[in-house]
């Protein structure tokens, strides 16, 4: 999951430039990797790739500002979906 997310970020926001290094805990916004418009592209990717639905009120730095936060958020969303079944 982390690898898919990192690859999407590098390909779409760093234009494939692997020389830009960032850890899974680094803030994507504070490091200038992703901006508010980019978040919408990230949300579309996450919804499509992981078959989840992200509500507007869930689009927050607490959920989407680092790879680790994104992974935790996706796991939580998938868990909610399986509990609803």
PDB file of N, CA and C in Angstrom:
ATOM      1  N   UNK A   1       0.828  -1.191   0.000  1.00  0.00           N
ATOM      2  CA  UNK A   1       0.000   0.000   0.000  1.00  0.00           C
ATOM      3  C   UNK A   1       0.877   1.260   0.000  1.00  0.00           C
ATOM      4  N   UNK A   2       1.890   1.276   0.868  1.00  0.00           N
ATOM      5  CA  UNK A   2       2.783   2.430   0.940  1.00  0.00           C
ATOM      6  C   UNK A   2       3.468   2.679  -0.408  1.00  0.00           C
ATOM      7  N   UNK A   3       3.896   1.582  -1.041  1.00  0.00           N
ATOM      8  CA  UNK A   3       4.612   1.699  -2.322  1.00  0.00           C
ATOM      9  C   UNK A   3       3.702   2.283  -3.408  1.00  0.00           C
ATOM     10  N   UNK A   4       2.450   1.828  -3.474  1.00  0.00           N
ATOM     11  CA  UNK A   4       1.512   2.356  -4.472  1.00  0.00           C
ATOM     12  C   UNK A   4       1.294   3.850  -4.272  1.00  0.00           C
ATOM     13  N   UNK A   5       1.132   4.250  -3.013  1.00  0.00           N
ATOM     14  CA  UNK A   5       0.890   5.659  -2.708  1.00  0.00           C
ATOM     15  C   UNK A   5       2.124   6.491  -3.040  1.00  0.00           C
ATOM     16  N   UNK A   6       3.297   6.020  -2.618  1.00  0.00           N
ATOM     17  CA  UNK A   6       4.544   6.745  -2.900  1.00  0.00           C
ATOM     18  C   UNK A   6       4.754   6.874  -4.408  1.00  0.00           C
ATOM     19  N   UNK A   7       4.539   5.800  -5.155  1.00  0.00           N
ATOM     20  CA  UNK A   7       4.719   5.848  -6.610  1.00  0.00           C
ATOM     21  C   UNK A   7       3.772   6.857  -7.236  1.00  0.00           C
ATOM     22  N   UNK A   8       2.509   6.896  -6.777  1.00  0.00           N
ATOM     23  CA  UNK A   8       1.556   7.866  -7.304  1.00  0.00           C
ATOM     24  C   UNK A   8       2.035   9.288  -7.036  1.00  0.00           C
ATOM     25  N   UNK A   9       2.498   9.547  -5.819  1.00  0.00           N
ATOM     26  CA  UNK A   9       2.954  10.889  -5.447  1.00  0.00           C
ATOM     27  C   UNK A   9       4.167  11.288  -6.281  1.00  0.00           C
ATOM     28  N   UNK A  10       5.149  10.404  -6.393  1.00  0.00           N
ATOM     29  CA  UNK A  10       6.355  10.715  -7.172  1.00  0.00           C
ATOM     30  C   UNK A  10       5.997  10.942  -8.639  1.00  0.00           C
ATOM     31  N   UNK A  11       5.173  10.072  -9.204  1.00  0.00           N
ATOM     32  CA  UNK A  11       4.820  10.187 -10.626  1.00  0.00           C
ATOM     33  C   UNK A  11       3.995  11.430 -10.932  1.00  0.00           C
ATOM     34  N   UNK A  12       3.069  11.793 -10.034  1.00  0.00           N
ATOM     35  CA  UNK A  12       2.117  12.857 -10.335  1.00  0.00           C
ATOM     36  C   UNK A  12       2.483  14.225  -9.782  1.00  0.00           C
ATOM     37  N   UNK A  13       3.237  14.270  -8.697  1.00  0.00           N
ATOM     38  CA  UNK A  13       3.550  15.558  -8.084  1.00  0.00           C
ATOM     39  C   UNK A  13       5.025  15.918  -8.175  1.00  0.00           C
ATOM     40  N   UNK A  14       5.859  14.914  -8.350  1.00  0.00           N
ATOM     41  CA  UNK A  14       7.302  15.168  -8.507  1.00  0.00           C
ATOM     42  C   UNK A  14       7.742  14.827  -9.929  1.00  0.00           C
ATOM     43  N   UNK A  15       6.778  14.524 -10.775  1.00  0.00           N
ATOM     44  CA  UNK A  15       7.017  14.241 -12.194  1.00  0.00           C
ATOM     45  C   UNK A  15       8.079  13.172 -12.395  1.00  0.00           C
ATOM     46  N   UNK A  16       8.021  12.131 -11.540  1.00  0.00           N
ATOM     47  CA  UNK A  16       8.923  11.003 -11.665  1.00  0.00           C
ATOM     48  C   UNK A  16      10.322  11.248 -11.151  1.00  0.00           C
ATOM     49  N   UNK A  17      10.558  12.404 -10.515  1.00  0.00           N
ATOM     50  CA  UNK A  17      11.894  12.751 -10.015  1.00  0.00           C
ATOM     51  C   UNK A  17      12.167  12.030  -8.698  1.00  0.00           C
ATOM     52  N   UNK A  18      12.841  10.887  -8.783  1.00  0.00           N
ATOM     53  CA  UNK A  18      13.151  10.101  -7.584  1.00  0.00           C
ATOM     54  C   UNK A  18      14.277  10.700  -6.750  1.00  0.00           C
ATOM     55  N   UNK A  19      14.878  11.794  -7.221  1.00  0.00           N
ATOM     56  CA  UNK A  19      15.955  12.412  -6.436  1.00  0.00           C
ATOM     57  C   UNK A  19      15.388  13.206  -5.251  1.00  0.00           C
ATOM     58  N   UNK A  20      14.092  13.529  -5.299  1.00  0.00           N
ATOM     59  CA  UNK A  20      13.448  14.200  -4.163  1.00  0.00           C
ATOM     60  C   UNK A  20      13.122  13.129  -3.137  1.00  0.00           C
ATOM     61  N   UNK A  21      13.743  13.251  -1.982  1.00  0.00           N
ATOM     62  CA  UNK A  21      13.537  12.224  -0.968  1.00  0.00           C
ATOM     63  C   UNK A  21      12.657  12.757   0.154  1.00  0.00           C
ATOM     64  N   UNK A  22      11.799  11.891   0.642  1.00  0.00           N
ATOM     65  CA  UNK A  22      10.954  12.208   1.781  1.00  0.00           C
ATOM     66  C   UNK A  22      10.574  10.899   2.460  1.00  0.00           C
ATOM     67  N   UNK A  23      10.407  10.972   3.770  1.00  0.00           N
ATOM     68  CA  UNK A  23      10.073   9.763   4.518  1.00  0.00           C
ATOM     69  C   UNK A  23       8.563   9.572   4.545  1.00  0.00           C
ATOM     70  N   UNK A  24       8.141   8.417   5.001  1.00  0.00           N
ATOM     71  CA  UNK A  24       6.710   8.124   5.093  1.00  0.00           C
ATOM     72  C   UNK A  24       6.011   8.986   6.137  1.00  0.00           C
ATOM     73  N   UNK A  25       6.779   9.639   7.020  1.00  0.00           N
ATOM     74  CA  UNK A  25       6.200  10.510   8.041  1.00  0.00           C
ATOM     75  C   UNK A  25       6.275  11.991   7.683  1.00  0.00           C
ATOM     76  N   UNK A  26       7.015  12.343   6.634  1.00  0.00           N
ATOM     77  CA  UNK A  26       7.164  13.753   6.256  1.00  0.00           C
ATOM     78  C   UNK A  26       5.843  14.338   5.779  1.00  0.00           C
ATOM     79  N   UNK A  27       5.603  15.591   6.149  1.00  0.00           N
ATOM     80  CA  UNK A  27       4.411  16.309   5.701  1.00  0.00           C
ATOM     81  C   UNK A  27       4.513  16.597   4.213  1.00  0.00           C
ATOM     82  N   UNK A  28       3.526  16.144   3.475  1.00  0.00           N
ATOM     83  CA  UNK A  28       3.521  16.374   2.030  1.00  0.00           C
ATOM     84  C   UNK A  28       3.296  17.842   1.704  1.00  0.00           C
ATOM     85  N   UNK A  29       2.490  18.526   2.503  1.00  0.00           N
ATOM     86  CA  UNK A  29       2.216  19.947   2.234  1.00  0.00           C
ATOM     87  C   UNK A  29       3.365  20.832   2.698  1.00  0.00           C
ATOM     88  N   UNK A  30       3.886  20.600   3.895  1.00  0.00           N
ATOM     89  CA  UNK A  30       4.976  21.439   4.413  1.00  0.00           C
ATOM     90  C   UNK A  30       6.245  21.319   3.581  1.00  0.00           C
ATOM     91  N   UNK A  31       6.442  20.178   2.942  1.00  0.00           N
ATOM     92  CA  UNK A  31       7.625  19.968   2.110  1.00  0.00           C
ATOM     93  C   UNK A  31       7.391  20.368   0.658  1.00  0.00           C
ATOM     94  N   UNK A  32       6.230  20.960   0.381  1.00  0.00           N
ATOM     95  CA  UNK A  32       5.946  21.451  -0.962  1.00  0.00           C
ATOM     96  C   UNK A  32       5.743  20.361  -1.998  1.00  0.00           C
ATOM     97  N   UNK A  33       5.439  19.155  -1.552  1.00  0.00           N
ATOM     98  CA  UNK A  33       5.262  18.040  -2.467  1.00  0.00           C
ATOM     99  C   UNK A  33       3.861  18.063  -3.084  1.00  0.00           C
ATOM    100  N   UNK A  34       2.887  18.471  -2.288  1.00  0.00           N
ATOM    101  CA  UNK A  34       1.500  18.470  -2.743  1.00  0.00           C
ATOM    102  C   UNK A  34       0.810  19.729  -2.238  1.00  0.00           C
ATOM    103  N   UNK A  35      -0.060  20.304  -3.069  1.00  0.00           N
ATOM    104  CA  UNK A  35      -0.803  21.497  -2.659  1.00  0.00           C
ATOM    105  C   UNK A  35      -2.293  21.158  -2.565  1.00  0.00           C
ATOM    106  N   UNK A  36      -3.103  22.167  -2.304  1.00  0.00           N
ATOM    107  CA  UNK A  36      -4.527  21.905  -2.092  1.00  0.00           C
ATOM    108  C   UNK A  36      -5.194  21.321  -3.331  1.00  0.00           C
ATOM    109  N   UNK A  37      -4.779  21.734  -4.509  1.00  0.00           N
ATOM    110  CA  UNK A  37      -5.328  21.163  -5.734  1.00  0.00           C
ATOM    111  C   UNK A  37      -4.878  19.714  -5.891  1.00  0.00           C
ATOM    112  N   UNK A  38      -3.635  19.452  -5.545  1.00  0.00           N
ATOM    113  CA  UNK A  38      -3.096  18.102  -5.638  1.00  0.00           C
ATOM    114  C   UNK A  38      -3.801  17.121  -4.726  1.00  0.00           C
ATOM    115  N   UNK A  39      -4.287  17.618  -3.593  1.00  0.00           N
ATOM    116  CA  UNK A  39      -5.005  16.755  -2.657  1.00  0.00           C
ATOM    117  C   UNK A  39      -6.217  16.125  -3.351  1.00  0.00           C
ATOM    118  N   UNK A  40      -6.889  16.897  -4.201  1.00  0.00           N
ATOM    119  CA  UNK A  40      -8.062  16.366  -4.897  1.00  0.00           C
ATOM    120  C   UNK A  40      -7.678  15.216  -5.836  1.00  0.00           C
ATOM    121  N   UNK A  41      -6.543  15.352  -6.501  1.00  0.00           N
ATOM    122  CA  UNK A  41      -6.050  14.263  -7.341  1.00  0.00           C
ATOM    123  C   UNK A  41      -5.683  13.042  -6.517  1.00  0.00           C
ATOM    124  N   UNK A  42      -5.082  13.287  -5.358  1.00  0.00           N
ATOM    125  CA  UNK A  42      -4.728  12.195  -4.447  1.00  0.00           C
ATOM    126  C   UNK A  42      -5.992  11.480  -3.970  1.00  0.00           C
ATOM    127  N   UNK A  43      -7.012  12.243  -3.602  1.00  0.00           N
ATOM    128  CA  UNK A  43      -8.270  11.655  -3.140  1.00  0.00           C
ATOM    129  C   UNK A  43      -8.884  10.790  -4.240  1.00  0.00           C
ATOM    130  N   UNK A  44      -8.908  11.293  -5.464  1.00  0.00           N
ATOM    131  CA  UNK A  44      -9.452  10.508  -6.587  1.00  0.00           C
ATOM    132  C   UNK A  44      -8.688   9.207  -6.766  1.00  0.00           C
ATOM    133  N   UNK A  45      -7.360   9.282  -6.681  1.00  0.00           N
ATOM    134  CA  UNK A  45      -6.537   8.082  -6.795  1.00  0.00           C
ATOM    135  C   UNK A  45      -6.859   7.086  -5.682  1.00  0.00           C
ATOM    136  N   UNK A  46      -6.924   7.560  -4.441  1.00  0.00           N
ATOM    137  CA  UNK A  46      -7.178   6.667  -3.306  1.00  0.00           C
ATOM    138  C   UNK A  46      -8.544   6.001  -3.420  1.00  0.00           C
ATOM    139  N   UNK A  47      -9.547   6.767  -3.817  1.00  0.00           N
ATOM    140  CA  UNK A  47     -10.893   6.200  -3.961  1.00  0.00           C
ATOM    141  C   UNK A  47     -10.904   5.119  -5.036  1.00  0.00           C
ATOM    142  N   UNK A  48     -10.245   5.382  -6.137  1.00  0.00           N
ATOM    143  CA  UNK A  48     -10.212   4.432  -7.243  1.00  0.00           C
ATOM    144  C   UNK A  48      -9.355   3.207  -6.918  1.00  0.00           C
ATOM    145  N   UNK A  49      -8.182   3.444  -6.404  1.00  0.00           N
ATOM    146  CA  UNK A  49      -7.216   2.363  -6.161  1.00  0.00           C
ATOM    147  C   UNK A  49      -7.649   1.427  -5.034  1.00  0.00           C
ATOM    148  N   UNK A  50      -8.239   1.991  -3.980  1.00  0.00           N
ATOM    149  CA  UNK A  50      -8.551   1.190  -2.798  1.00  0.00           C
ATOM    150  C   UNK A  50     -10.052   0.977  -2.588  1.00  0.00           C
ATOM    151  N   UNK A  51     -10.849   1.392  -3.587  1.00  0.00           N
ATOM    152  CA  UNK A  51     -12.291   1.166  -3.559  1.00  0.00           C
ATOM    153  C   UNK A  51     -12.936   1.688  -2.271  1.00  0.00           C
ATOM    154  N   UNK A  52     -12.594   2.937  -1.922  1.00  0.00           N
ATOM    155  CA  UNK A  52     -13.159   3.583  -0.745  1.00  0.00           C
ATOM    156  C   UNK A  52     -13.838   4.876  -1.186  1.00  0.00           C
ATOM    157  N   UNK A  53     -14.642   5.422  -0.306  1.00  0.00           N
ATOM    158  CA  UNK A  53     -15.270   6.710  -0.542  1.00  0.00           C
ATOM    159  C   UNK A  53     -14.789   7.670   0.539  1.00  0.00           C
ATOM    160  N   UNK A  54     -14.269   8.812   0.135  1.00  0.00           N
ATOM    161  CA  UNK A  54     -13.739   9.799   1.076  1.00  0.00           C
ATOM    162  C   UNK A  54     -14.671  10.997   1.083  1.00  0.00           C
ATOM    163  N   UNK A  55     -15.206  11.305   2.255  1.00  0.00           N
ATOM    164  CA  UNK A  55     -16.117  12.432   2.410  1.00  0.00           C
ATOM    165  C   UNK A  55     -15.320  13.735   2.481  1.00  0.00           C
ATOM    166  N   UNK A  56     -15.951  14.845   2.107  1.00  0.00           N
ATOM    167  CA  UNK A  56     -15.268  16.147   2.134  1.00  0.00           C
ATOM    168  C   UNK A  56     -14.676  16.462   3.504  1.00  0.00           C
ATOM    169  N   UNK A  57     -15.413  16.146   4.559  1.00  0.00           N
ATOM    170  CA  UNK A  57     -14.920  16.465   5.908  1.00  0.00           C
ATOM    171  C   UNK A  57     -13.749  15.585   6.342  1.00  0.00           C
ATOM    172  N   UNK A  58     -13.474  14.537   5.577  1.00  0.00           N
ATOM    173  CA  UNK A  58     -12.333  13.667   5.875  1.00  0.00           C
ATOM    174  C   UNK A  58     -11.055  14.131   5.177  1.00  0.00           C
ATOM    175  N   UNK A  59     -11.162  15.118   4.307  1.00  0.00           N
ATOM    176  CA  UNK A  59     -10.001  15.623   3.575  1.00  0.00           C
ATOM    177  C   UNK A  59      -9.282  16.632   4.476  1.00  0.00           C
ATOM    178  N   UNK A  60      -8.489  16.102   5.387  1.00  0.00           N
ATOM    179  CA  UNK A  60      -7.782  16.907   6.382  1.00  0.00           C
ATOM    180  C   UNK A  60      -6.320  16.479   6.449  1.00  0.00           C
ATOM    181  N   UNK A  61      -5.450  17.353   6.959  1.00  0.00           N
ATOM    182  CA  UNK A  61      -4.042  16.963   7.136  1.00  0.00           C
ATOM    183  C   UNK A  61      -3.885  15.746   8.055  1.00  0.00           C
ATOM    184  N   UNK A  62      -4.779  15.601   9.023  1.00  0.00           N
ATOM    185  CA  UNK A  62      -4.701  14.457   9.933  1.00  0.00           C
ATOM    186  C   UNK A  62      -4.838  13.132   9.178  1.00  0.00           C
ATOM    187  N   UNK A  63      -5.545  13.157   8.063  1.00  0.00           N
ATOM    188  CA  UNK A  63      -5.763  11.932   7.283  1.00  0.00           C
ATOM    189  C   UNK A  63      -4.859  11.796   6.064  1.00  0.00           C
ATOM    190  N   UNK A  64      -4.402  12.928   5.499  1.00  0.00           N
ATOM    191  CA  UNK A  64      -3.788  12.858   4.168  1.00  0.00           C
ATOM    192  C   UNK A  64      -2.458  13.593   4.009  1.00  0.00           C
ATOM    193  N   UNK A  65      -1.788  13.963   5.102  1.00  0.00           N
ATOM    194  CA  UNK A  65      -0.591  14.801   4.958  1.00  0.00           C
ATOM    195  C   UNK A  65       0.735  14.057   4.981  1.00  0.00           C
ATOM    196  N   UNK A  66       0.714  12.751   5.097  1.00  0.00           N
ATOM    197  CA  UNK A  66       1.946  11.961   4.970  1.00  0.00           C
ATOM    198  C   UNK A  66       1.547  10.576   4.488  1.00  0.00           C
ATOM    199  N   UNK A  67       2.503   9.854   3.987  1.00  0.00           N
ATOM    200  CA  UNK A  67       2.197   8.504   3.510  1.00  0.00           C
ATOM    201  C   UNK A  67       1.669   7.654   4.652  1.00  0.00           C
ATOM    202  N   UNK A  68       2.294   7.728   5.823  1.00  0.00           N
ATOM    203  CA  UNK A  68       1.816   6.919   6.948  1.00  0.00           C
ATOM    204  C   UNK A  68       0.409   7.304   7.376  1.00  0.00           C
ATOM    205  N   UNK A  69       0.088   8.605   7.371  1.00  0.00           N
ATOM    206  CA  UNK A  69      -1.269   9.036   7.718  1.00  0.00           C
ATOM    207  C   UNK A  69      -2.274   8.530   6.696  1.00  0.00           C
ATOM    208  N   UNK A  70      -1.894   8.568   5.427  1.00  0.00           N
ATOM    209  CA  UNK A  70      -2.778   8.078   4.366  1.00  0.00           C
ATOM    210  C   UNK A  70      -3.039   6.585   4.542  1.00  0.00           C
ATOM    211  N   UNK A  71      -1.994   5.819   4.812  1.00  0.00           N
ATOM    212  CA  UNK A  71      -2.137   4.369   4.995  1.00  0.00           C
ATOM    213  C   UNK A  71      -3.061   4.077   6.168  1.00  0.00           C
ATOM    214  N   UNK A  72      -2.868   4.755   7.288  1.00  0.00           N
ATOM    215  CA  UNK A  72      -3.725   4.539   8.456  1.00  0.00           C
ATOM    216  C   UNK A  72      -5.174   4.893   8.131  1.00  0.00           C
ATOM    217  N   UNK A  73      -5.370   5.988   7.417  1.00  0.00           N
ATOM    218  CA  UNK A  73      -6.709   6.422   7.040  1.00  0.00           C
ATOM    219  C   UNK A  73      -7.376   5.382   6.136  1.00  0.00           C
ATOM    220  N   UNK A  74      -6.650   4.881   5.144  1.00  0.00           N
ATOM    221  CA  UNK A  74      -7.208   3.885   4.234  1.00  0.00           C
ATOM    222  C   UNK A  74      -7.572   2.615   5.001  1.00  0.00           C
ATOM    223  N   UNK A  75      -6.699   2.170   5.882  1.00  0.00           N
ATOM    224  CA  UNK A  75      -6.983   0.968   6.679  1.00  0.00           C
ATOM    225  C   UNK A  75      -8.237   1.170   7.519  1.00  0.00           C
ATOM    226  N   UNK A  76      -8.406   2.368   8.075  1.00  0.00           N
ATOM    227  CA  UNK A  76      -9.588   2.671   8.869  1.00  0.00           C
ATOM    228  C   UNK A  76     -10.835   2.629   7.980  1.00  0.00           C
ATOM    229  N   UNK A  77     -10.747   3.228   6.777  1.00  0.00           N
ATOM    230  CA  UNK A  77     -11.888   3.245   5.854  1.00  0.00           C
ATOM    231  C   UNK A  77     -12.256   1.827   5.413  1.00  0.00           C
ATOM    232  N   UNK A  78     -11.274   1.010   5.104  1.00  0.00           N
ATOM    233  CA  UNK A  78     -11.526  -0.377   4.686  1.00  0.00           C
ATOM    234  C   UNK A  78     -12.159  -1.148   5.847  1.00  0.00           C
ATOM    235  N   UNK A  79     -11.687  -0.898   7.051  1.00  0.00           N
ATOM    236  CA  UNK A  79     -12.268  -1.541   8.237  1.00  0.00           C
ATOM    237  C   UNK A  79     -13.721  -1.158   8.436  1.00  0.00           C
ATOM    238  N   UNK A  80     -14.043   0.108   8.210  1.00  0.00           N
ATOM    239  CA  UNK A  80     -15.427   0.570   8.335  1.00  0.00           C
ATOM    240  C   UNK A  80     -16.313  -0.112   7.305  1.00  0.00           C
ATOM    241  N   UNK A  81     -15.790  -0.276   6.103  1.00  0.00           N
ATOM    242  CA  UNK A  81     -16.562  -0.899   5.035  1.00  0.00           C
ATOM    243  C   UNK A  81     -16.843  -2.370   5.354  1.00  0.00           C
ATOM    244  N   UNK A  82     -15.851  -3.066   5.890  1.00  0.00           N
ATOM    245  CA  UNK A  82     -16.044  -4.490   6.190  1.00  0.00           C
ATOM    246  C   UNK A  82     -16.999  -4.674   7.373  1.00  0.00           C
ATOM    247  N   UNK A  83     -17.038  -3.701   8.287  1.00  0.00           N
ATOM    248  CA  UNK A  83     -17.962  -3.781   9.415  1.00  0.00           C
ATOM    249  C   UNK A  83     -19.400  -3.505   8.947  1.00  0.00           C
ATOM    250  N   UNK A  84     -19.548  -2.733   7.881  1.00  0.00           N
ATOM    251  CA  UNK A  84     -20.879  -2.396   7.370  1.00  0.00           C
ATOM    252  C   UNK A  84     -21.493  -3.550   6.568  1.00  0.00           C
ATOM    253  N   UNK A  85     -20.661  -4.469   6.111  1.00  0.00           N
ATOM    254  CA  UNK A  85     -21.164  -5.586   5.289  1.00  0.00           C
ATOM    255  C   UNK A  85     -21.921  -6.591   6.095  1.00  0.00           C
TER     256      UNK A  85
END
